[in-house]
Amino acid sequence: MLAEEPAHTATSTEHPQEGGFPPFDTTTFPSQLFWLVVTFAFLFTVVWRVAGPRINGAITSRRGAINGAIAEASKAREQAEAAQAGYESALGAARSRANALAEETRQSLNAEIAKAKADADAEAAKAMAAADARINATRDTAKAVVGAAARDAAIAIVERLTGDKVSADEAAKAVGT
């Protein structure tokens, strides 16, 4: 069987609600304004006394960390610039030492080359003088041999053509030796 329905059930058609949406009900405005002020005052106090100092502390701490990082970066940049200046001065000093050593070596080599050239020129001059002396001695020997051969040939030619014997002095005078 069917269960019996309760005797008193309210349906929307029996008791309609009046006044509409409660926040727009003008009879509840004073209590709504009261609770709005209380809630606003509570939230304002919480933000002012609790959240505000925490937020301010976080901002201050973050600002301090950022300023510290900027100071460290500036210090590191100054150190890097000082290191770079030191490196460049050391590099300049090394370059000047290298240039000085190169110039010294160049001058030393030029002096050695000049000395070797002078020695070679002296050796060549000695060799030329010796060769000239040998050439002159050979020329003198050759002149003497050619003069003697011409004298002997003149003596032989005169004897053959004329049958007379010519002395060696006369033949030498005739040949021009």
Protein backbone atom coordinates (compact mmCIF):
# COMPACT_ATOMS: atom_id res chain seq x y z
CA MET A 1 0.00 0.00 0.00
CA LEU A 2 0.80 3.51 -0.31
CA ALA A 3 2.34 5.39 2.48
CA GLU A 4 0.43 8.29 3.71
CA GLU A 5 1.66 11.70 3.03
CA PRO A 6 2.47 13.94 5.91
CA ALA A 7 -0.36 16.10 6.86
CA HIS A 8 1.35 19.38 6.49
CA THR A 9 3.60 19.82 3.43
CA ALA A 10 4.33 23.22 2.15
CA THR A 11 4.51 23.80 -1.50
CA SER A 12 5.60 26.88 -3.26
CA THR A 13 2.07 27.63 -4.26
CA GLU A 14 0.75 27.61 -0.74
CA HIS A 15 3.26 30.05 0.90
CA PRO A 16 5.00 32.21 -1.64
CA GLN A 17 8.12 34.09 -0.39
CA GLU A 18 7.79 37.77 -0.48
CA GLY A 19 10.45 40.43 -0.83
CA GLY A 20 12.65 38.86 -3.55
CA PHE A 21 16.47 38.64 -3.30
CA PRO A 22 17.49 39.19 0.38
CA PRO A 23 20.39 41.64 -0.14
CA PHE A 24 18.00 43.90 -1.98
CA ASP A 25 15.45 43.75 0.79
CA THR A 26 15.34 47.26 2.29
CA THR A 27 14.30 46.01 5.70
CA THR A 28 17.68 44.27 6.13
CA PHE A 29 19.86 47.24 5.08
CA PRO A 30 20.75 48.38 8.63
CA SER A 31 22.01 44.92 9.67
CA GLN A 32 23.83 44.53 6.34
CA LEU A 33 25.54 47.88 6.84
CA PHE A 34 26.45 46.94 10.42
CA TRP A 35 28.09 43.67 9.33
CA LEU A 36 29.77 45.39 6.41
CA VAL A 37 31.40 47.89 8.79
CA VAL A 38 32.38 45.15 11.27
CA THR A 39 33.85 42.95 8.50
CA PHE A 40 35.65 45.88 6.88
CA ALA A 41 37.05 47.00 10.27
CA PHE A 42 38.21 43.44 11.04
CA LEU A 43 39.86 42.97 7.64
CA PHE A 44 41.41 46.45 7.81
CA THR A 45 42.85 45.68 11.27
CA VAL A 46 44.21 42.30 10.11
CA VAL A 47 45.81 43.85 7.04
CA TRP A 48 47.12 46.83 9.00
CA ARG A 49 48.50 44.91 12.00
CA VAL A 50 49.40 41.49 10.57
CA ALA A 51 49.59 41.29 6.77
CA GLY A 52 50.88 44.84 6.20
CA PRO A 53 54.02 44.47 8.31
CA ARG A 54 54.69 41.04 6.80
CA ILE A 55 54.29 42.37 3.26
CA ASN A 56 56.40 45.42 4.13
CA GLY A 57 59.04 43.14 5.72
CA ALA A 58 59.09 40.94 2.60
CA ILE A 59 59.40 43.99 0.34
CA THR A 60 62.13 45.50 2.54
CA SER A 61 63.99 42.18 2.68
CA ARG A 62 63.71 41.72 -1.08
CA ARG A 63 64.85 45.32 -1.69
CA GLY A 64 67.83 44.71 0.63
CA ALA A 65 68.70 41.49 -1.21
CA ILE A 66 68.47 43.26 -4.57
CA ASN A 67 70.59 46.19 -3.35
CA GLY A 68 73.12 43.72 -1.89
CA ALA A 69 73.25 41.82 -5.19
CA ILE A 70 73.73 45.10 -7.07
CA ALA A 71 76.53 46.10 -4.67
CA GLU A 72 78.19 42.68 -5.13
CA ALA A 73 77.88 42.98 -8.89
CA SER A 74 79.45 46.45 -8.79
CA LYS A 75 82.27 45.16 -6.62
CA ALA A 76 82.78 42.17 -8.93
CA ARG A 77 82.78 44.50 -11.96
CA GLU A 78 85.39 46.73 -10.31
CA GLN A 79 87.52 43.68 -9.51
CA ALA A 80 87.13 42.42 -13.07
CA GLU A 81 88.10 45.84 -14.45
CA ALA A 82 91.12 45.94 -12.12
CA ALA A 83 92.08 42.41 -13.18
CA GLN A 84 91.68 43.37 -16.84
CA ALA A 85 93.83 46.49 -16.33
CA GLY A 86 96.48 44.36 -14.60
CA TYR A 87 96.32 41.82 -17.41
CA GLU A 88 96.64 44.52 -20.05
CA SER A 89 99.57 46.16 -18.25
CA ALA A 90 101.29 42.77 -17.85
CA LEU A 91 100.60 42.03 -21.50
CA GLY A 92 102.03 45.43 -22.52
CA ALA A 93 105.13 44.83 -20.40
CA ALA A 94 105.54 41.37 -21.92
CA ARG A 95 105.16 42.81 -25.41
CA SER A 96 107.76 45.50 -24.73
CA ARG A 97 110.17 42.89 -23.28
CA ALA A 98 109.56 40.66 -26.30
CA ASN A 99 110.16 43.59 -28.67
CA ALA A 100 113.34 44.53 -26.79
CA LEU A 101 114.58 40.93 -26.92
CA ALA A 102 113.72 40.70 -30.61
CA GLU A 103 115.58 43.96 -31.32
CA GLU A 104 118.57 42.79 -29.28
CA THR A 105 118.58 39.47 -31.11
CA ARG A 106 118.22 41.25 -34.47
CA GLN A 107 121.17 43.53 -33.67
CA SER A 108 123.24 40.58 -32.45
CA LEU A 109 122.47 38.63 -35.62
CA ASN A 110 123.21 41.67 -37.80
CA ALA A 111 126.57 42.07 -36.03
CA GLU A 112 127.37 38.37 -36.51
CA ILE A 113 126.34 38.59 -40.17
CA ALA A 114 128.49 41.70 -40.68
CA LYS A 115 131.46 39.96 -38.99
CA ALA A 116 130.96 36.81 -41.06
CA LYS A 117 130.69 38.93 -44.21
CA ALA A 118 133.87 40.84 -43.32
CA ASP A 119 135.66 37.53 -42.61
CA ALA A 120 134.40 36.11 -45.90
CA ASP A 121 135.47 39.28 -47.74
CA ALA A 122 138.93 39.07 -46.13
CA GLU A 123 139.21 35.37 -47.06
CA ALA A 124 138.08 36.19 -50.60
CA ALA A 125 140.61 39.05 -50.80
CA LYS A 126 143.38 36.71 -49.59
CA ALA A 127 142.32 34.06 -52.08
CA MET A 128 142.20 36.69 -54.86
CA ALA A 129 145.65 37.97 -53.93
CA ALA A 130 147.03 34.42 -53.89
CA ALA A 131 145.35 33.65 -57.21
CA ASP A 132 146.67 36.91 -58.72
CA ALA A 133 150.15 36.05 -57.48
CA ARG A 134 149.92 32.55 -59.01
CA ILE A 135 148.56 34.00 -62.27
CA ASN A 136 151.37 36.58 -62.38
CA ALA A 137 153.97 33.90 -61.63
CA THR A 138 152.47 31.63 -64.28
CA ARG A 139 152.37 34.58 -66.74
CA ASP A 140 156.00 35.44 -66.02
CA THR A 141 156.99 31.79 -66.40
CA ALA A 142 154.95 31.57 -69.60
CA LYS A 143 156.58 34.78 -70.94
CA ALA A 144 160.00 33.39 -70.15
CA VAL A 145 159.18 30.05 -71.76
CA VAL A 146 157.56 31.72 -74.81
CA GLY A 147 160.51 34.18 -75.05
CA ALA A 148 163.01 31.31 -74.84
CA ALA A 149 161.00 29.33 -77.41
CA ALA A 150 160.83 32.36 -79.72
CA ARG A 151 164.57 32.94 -79.32
CA ASP A 152 165.31 29.27 -80.03
CA ALA A 153 162.89 29.32 -82.98
CA ALA A 154 164.52 32.51 -84.33
CA ILE A 155 167.96 30.91 -84.05
CA ALA A 156 166.73 27.78 -85.79
CA ILE A 157 164.93 29.75 -88.57
CA VAL A 158 167.95 31.98 -89.25
CA GLU A 159 170.27 28.97 -89.29
CA ARG A 160 168.07 27.10 -91.66
CA LEU A 161 167.34 29.98 -93.97
CA THR A 162 170.76 31.55 -94.02
CA GLY A 163 172.94 28.86 -92.62
CA ASP A 164 174.53 31.35 -90.16
CA LYS A 165 174.62 30.78 -86.47
CA VAL A 166 173.08 33.61 -84.45
CA SER A 167 173.96 34.06 -80.80
CA ALA A 168 171.26 33.77 -78.14
CA ASP A 169 171.65 37.47 -77.18
CA GLU A 170 171.19 38.63 -80.76
CA ALA A 171 168.16 36.39 -81.26
CA ALA A 172 166.64 37.66 -77.97
CA LYS A 173 167.17 41.25 -79.13
CA ALA A 174 165.56 40.51 -82.46
CA VAL A 175 162.51 38.78 -80.91
CA GLY A 176 162.14 41.55 -78.30
CA THR A 177 162.43 39.53 -75.17
